[in-house]
Amino acid sequence: MISYFSDKIKFPQIKRRETTKWIRQVALGYGKKVGDVAYIFCNDEKILEVNKQYLNHDYYTDVITFDYSEGDTISGDIFISLDTVKSNSEQQHTDYNQELHRVIIHGILHLCGINDKLPGEREIMQQAEDKALELKKT
């Protein structure tokens, strides 16, 4: 089950059913089933708090994924800072909704086993995001 929540911020204008179907389609492409995934849309202050408390990182970010997956079933909590998504879309001159969906699927791709920390991984993640965003358009 995919759940969507907001924490002290206006819920983003996403089509939940369509987004859920898309997420399941992307996961299936990696041989994964979707278990319990919770999206928590929040502001910069909340994501900073989560980053400090659980990861010992003292900086803002757009997405934090906590992975509870077992076997081929992905599960996790995905925190998304809508403040950072907005500022990223402005800085990169991209559409806000496209940036939001990029971050939404970024968390799922982490749950599917794609990383983005080591050299070369970021490019692989970006290609996977782009491919997933193309699926959303169809």
C-alpha atoms as a PDB file:
ATOM      1  CA  MET A   1       0.000   0.000   0.000  1.00  0.00           C
ATOM      2  CA  ILE A   2       1.278   3.454  -0.879  1.00  0.00           C
ATOM      3  CA  SER A   3       0.235   6.219   1.514  1.00  0.00           C
ATOM      4  CA  TYR A   4       0.649   9.957   1.206  1.00  0.00           C
ATOM      5  CA  PHE A   5       0.886  12.391   4.125  1.00  0.00           C
ATOM      6  CA  SER A   6       1.832  15.999   4.674  1.00  0.00           C
ATOM      7  CA  ASP A   7       3.511  17.383   7.774  1.00  0.00           C
ATOM      8  CA  LYS A   8       2.943  21.094   8.478  1.00  0.00           C
ATOM      9  CA  ILE A   9       2.795  21.931   4.785  1.00  0.00           C
ATOM     10  CA  LYS A  10       0.077  22.108   2.149  1.00  0.00           C
ATOM     11  CA  PHE A  11      -0.336  18.770   0.385  1.00  0.00           C
ATOM     12  CA  PRO A  12       1.075  18.904  -3.164  1.00  0.00           C
ATOM     13  CA  GLN A  13      -1.247  18.705  -6.129  1.00  0.00           C
ATOM     14  CA  ILE A  14      -0.536  15.186  -7.260  1.00  0.00           C
ATOM     15  CA  LYS A  15      -2.940  12.638  -8.674  1.00  0.00           C
ATOM     16  CA  ARG A  16      -2.623   9.895  -6.069  1.00  0.00           C
ATOM     17  CA  ARG A  17      -4.145   7.008  -8.052  1.00  0.00           C
ATOM     18  CA  GLU A  18      -2.164   7.831 -11.183  1.00  0.00           C
ATOM     19  CA  THR A  19       1.033   8.322  -9.154  1.00  0.00           C
ATOM     20  CA  THR A  20       0.521   5.048  -7.284  1.00  0.00           C
ATOM     21  CA  LYS A  21      -0.009   3.166 -10.558  1.00  0.00           C
ATOM     22  CA  TRP A  22       3.154   4.743 -11.997  1.00  0.00           C
ATOM     23  CA  ILE A  23       5.208   3.855  -8.898  1.00  0.00           C
ATOM     24  CA  ARG A  24       4.040   0.227  -9.087  1.00  0.00           C
ATOM     25  CA  GLN A  25       4.913   0.117 -12.812  1.00  0.00           C
ATOM     26  CA  VAL A  26       8.438   1.437 -12.176  1.00  0.00           C
ATOM     27  CA  ALA A  27       9.024  -1.002  -9.298  1.00  0.00           C
ATOM     28  CA  LEU A  28       7.786  -3.894 -11.437  1.00  0.00           C
ATOM     29  CA  GLY A  29      10.347  -2.918 -14.067  1.00  0.00           C
ATOM     30  CA  TYR A  30      13.015  -3.721 -11.453  1.00  0.00           C
ATOM     31  CA  GLY A  31      11.346  -6.997 -10.511  1.00  0.00           C
ATOM     32  CA  LYS A  32       9.920  -5.531  -7.304  1.00  0.00           C
ATOM     33  CA  LYS A  33       6.475  -5.538  -5.723  1.00  0.00           C
ATOM     34  CA  VAL A  34       5.327  -2.583  -3.660  1.00  0.00           C
ATOM     35  CA  GLY A  35       4.654  -3.308  -0.002  1.00  0.00           C
ATOM     36  CA  ASP A  36       4.107  -0.478   2.478  1.00  0.00           C
ATOM     37  CA  VAL A  37       5.501   2.812   1.220  1.00  0.00           C
ATOM     38  CA  ALA A  38       4.700   6.062   2.996  1.00  0.00           C
ATOM     39  CA  TYR A  39       5.405   9.446   1.457  1.00  0.00           C
ATOM     40  CA  ILE A  40       5.708  12.267   3.960  1.00  0.00           C
ATOM     41  CA  PHE A  41       5.679  15.681   2.287  1.00  0.00           C
ATOM     42  CA  CYS A  42       7.224  18.243   4.604  1.00  0.00           C
ATOM     43  CA  ASN A  43       9.096  21.546   4.775  1.00  0.00           C
ATOM     44  CA  ASP A  44      12.831  22.222   4.987  1.00  0.00           C
ATOM     45  CA  GLU A  45      12.818  22.423   8.787  1.00  0.00           C
ATOM     46  CA  LYS A  46      11.261  18.963   9.143  1.00  0.00           C
ATOM     47  CA  ILE A  47      13.619  17.310   6.673  1.00  0.00           C
ATOM     48  CA  LEU A  48      16.599  18.935   8.414  1.00  0.00           C
ATOM     49  CA  GLU A  49      15.317  17.567  11.723  1.00  0.00           C
ATOM     50  CA  VAL A  50      14.973  14.061  10.232  1.00  0.00           C
ATOM     51  CA  ASN A  51      18.410  14.334   8.598  1.00  0.00           C
ATOM     52  CA  LYS A  52      20.048  15.319  11.909  1.00  0.00           C
ATOM     53  CA  GLN A  53      18.150  12.880  14.109  1.00  0.00           C
ATOM     54  CA  TYR A  54      18.452   9.723  12.029  1.00  0.00           C
ATOM     55  CA  LEU A  55      21.416  10.260   9.706  1.00  0.00           C
ATOM     56  CA  ASN A  56      23.614  12.701  11.658  1.00  0.00           C
ATOM     57  CA  HIS A  57      23.630  15.044   8.644  1.00  0.00           C
ATOM     58  CA  ASP A  58      23.326  18.766   9.288  1.00  0.00           C
ATOM     59  CA  TYR A  59      22.010  19.946   5.934  1.00  0.00           C
ATOM     60  CA  TYR A  60      18.840  20.346   3.914  1.00  0.00           C
ATOM     61  CA  THR A  61      17.970  17.888   1.185  1.00  0.00           C
ATOM     62  CA  ASP A  62      15.060  17.160  -1.121  1.00  0.00           C
ATOM     63  CA  VAL A  63      14.450  13.510  -0.218  1.00  0.00           C
ATOM     64  CA  ILE A  64      15.357  11.009   2.484  1.00  0.00           C
ATOM     65  CA  THR A  65      14.476   7.358   2.036  1.00  0.00           C
ATOM     66  CA  PHE A  66      14.272   4.853   4.877  1.00  0.00           C
ATOM     67  CA  ASP A  67      14.373   1.343   3.435  1.00  0.00           C
ATOM     68  CA  TYR A  68      12.416  -1.464   5.126  1.00  0.00           C
ATOM     69  CA  SER A  69      12.323  -3.724   2.073  1.00  0.00           C
ATOM     70  CA  GLU A  70      12.427  -7.498   2.331  1.00  0.00           C
ATOM     71  CA  GLY A  71      13.251  -9.687  -0.628  1.00  0.00           C
ATOM     72  CA  ASP A  72      11.466  -8.510  -3.748  1.00  0.00           C
ATOM     73  CA  THR A  73       8.932  -6.412  -1.825  1.00  0.00           C
ATOM     74  CA  ILE A  74       9.902  -2.786  -1.393  1.00  0.00           C
ATOM     75  CA  SER A  75       8.767  -0.886   1.684  1.00  0.00           C
ATOM     76  CA  GLY A  76       9.915   2.340   3.248  1.00  0.00           C
ATOM     77  CA  ASP A  77       9.289   5.860   4.425  1.00  0.00           C
ATOM     78  CA  ILE A  78      10.141   8.619   1.980  1.00  0.00           C
ATOM     79  CA  PHE A  79      10.394  12.183   3.299  1.00  0.00           C
ATOM     80  CA  ILE A  80      10.228  14.911   0.655  1.00  0.00           C
ATOM     81  CA  SER A  81      10.865  18.581   1.364  1.00  0.00           C
ATOM     82  CA  LEU A  82       8.542  20.545  -0.887  1.00  0.00           C
ATOM     83  CA  ASP A  83      10.554  23.695  -0.072  1.00  0.00           C
ATOM     84  CA  THR A  84      13.702  22.155  -1.537  1.00  0.00           C
ATOM     85  CA  VAL A  85      11.822  20.673  -4.500  1.00  0.00           C
ATOM     86  CA  LYS A  86      10.542  24.177  -5.273  1.00  0.00           C
ATOM     87  CA  SER A  87      13.970  25.823  -4.955  1.00  0.00           C
ATOM     88  CA  ASN A  88      15.574  23.047  -7.050  1.00  0.00           C
ATOM     89  CA  SER A  89      13.005  23.518  -9.809  1.00  0.00           C
ATOM     90  CA  GLU A  90      13.686  27.273  -9.798  1.00  0.00           C
ATOM     91  CA  GLN A  91      17.477  26.857  -9.810  1.00  0.00           C
ATOM     92  CA  GLN A  92      17.389  24.234 -12.561  1.00  0.00           C
ATOM     93  CA  HIS A  93      14.671  26.027 -14.561  1.00  0.00           C
ATOM     94  CA  THR A  94      12.482  22.921 -14.551  1.00  0.00           C
ATOM     95  CA  ASP A  95       8.773  22.503 -14.045  1.00  0.00           C
ATOM     96  CA  TYR A  96       7.853  22.122 -10.349  1.00  0.00           C
ATOM     97  CA  ASN A  97       5.592  19.114 -10.966  1.00  0.00           C
ATOM     98  CA  GLN A  98       8.257  17.367 -13.004  1.00  0.00           C
ATOM     99  CA  GLU A  99      10.811  17.989 -10.248  1.00  0.00           C
ATOM    100  CA  LEU A 100       8.337  16.727  -7.640  1.00  0.00           C
ATOM    101  CA  HIS A 101       7.742  13.521  -9.587  1.00  0.00           C
ATOM    102  CA  ARG A 102      11.496  13.105 -10.106  1.00  0.00           C
ATOM    103  CA  VAL A 103      11.964  13.176  -6.336  1.00  0.00           C
ATOM    104  CA  ILE A 104       8.958  10.913  -5.731  1.00  0.00           C
ATOM    105  CA  ILE A 105      10.445   8.249  -8.007  1.00  0.00           C
ATOM    106  CA  HIS A 106      13.986   8.860  -6.704  1.00  0.00           C
ATOM    107  CA  GLY A 107      12.931   7.389  -3.367  1.00  0.00           C
ATOM    108  CA  ILE A 108      11.389   4.354  -5.074  1.00  0.00           C
ATOM    109  CA  LEU A 109      14.523   3.808  -7.136  1.00  0.00           C
ATOM    110  CA  HIS A 110      16.544   3.723  -3.904  1.00  0.00           C
ATOM    111  CA  LEU A 111      14.155   1.063  -2.597  1.00  0.00           C
ATOM    112  CA  CYS A 112      14.711  -0.848  -5.849  1.00  0.00           C
ATOM    113  CA  GLY A 113      18.467  -0.884  -5.147  1.00  0.00           C
ATOM    114  CA  ILE A 114      19.798   2.068  -7.127  1.00  0.00           C
ATOM    115  CA  ASN A 115      22.300   4.229  -5.252  1.00  0.00           C
ATOM    116  CA  ASP A 116      23.706   7.666  -5.996  1.00  0.00           C
ATOM    117  CA  LYS A 117      26.605   8.263  -3.591  1.00  0.00           C
ATOM    118  CA  LEU A 118      29.659   6.796  -5.326  1.00  0.00           C
ATOM    119  CA  PRO A 119      31.254   8.038  -8.566  1.00  0.00           C
ATOM    120  CA  GLY A 120      29.177   7.006 -11.548  1.00  0.00           C
ATOM    121  CA  GLU A 121      26.126   6.105  -9.463  1.00  0.00           C
ATOM    122  CA  ARG A 122      24.576   9.563  -9.770  1.00  0.00           C
ATOM    123  CA  GLU A 123      24.511   9.217 -13.558  1.00  0.00           C
ATOM    124  CA  ILE A 124      22.862   5.781 -13.289  1.00  0.00           C
ATOM    125  CA  MET A 125      20.253   7.225 -10.907  1.00  0.00           C
ATOM    126  CA  GLN A 126      19.571  10.157 -13.222  1.00  0.00           C
ATOM    127  CA  GLN A 127      19.097   7.827 -16.192  1.00  0.00           C
ATOM    128  CA  ALA A 128      16.697   5.699 -14.134  1.00  0.00           C
ATOM    129  CA  GLU A 129      14.765   8.835 -13.098  1.00  0.00           C
ATOM    130  CA  ASP A 130      14.551  10.021 -16.703  1.00  0.00           C
ATOM    131  CA  LYS A 131      13.332   6.602 -17.867  1.00  0.00           C
ATOM    132  CA  ALA A 132      10.692   6.526 -15.116  1.00  0.00           C
ATOM    133  CA  LEU A 133       9.531  10.068 -15.949  1.00  0.00           C
ATOM    134  CA  GLU A 134       9.096   8.995 -19.584  1.00  0.00           C
ATOM    135  CA  LEU A 135       6.843   6.150 -18.415  1.00  0.00           C
ATOM    136  CA  LYS A 136       4.722   8.678 -16.542  1.00  0.00           C
ATOM    137  CA  LYS A 137       4.083  10.598 -19.755  1.00  0.00           C
ATOM    138  CA  THR A 138       2.637   7.555 -21.530  1.00  0.00           C
END
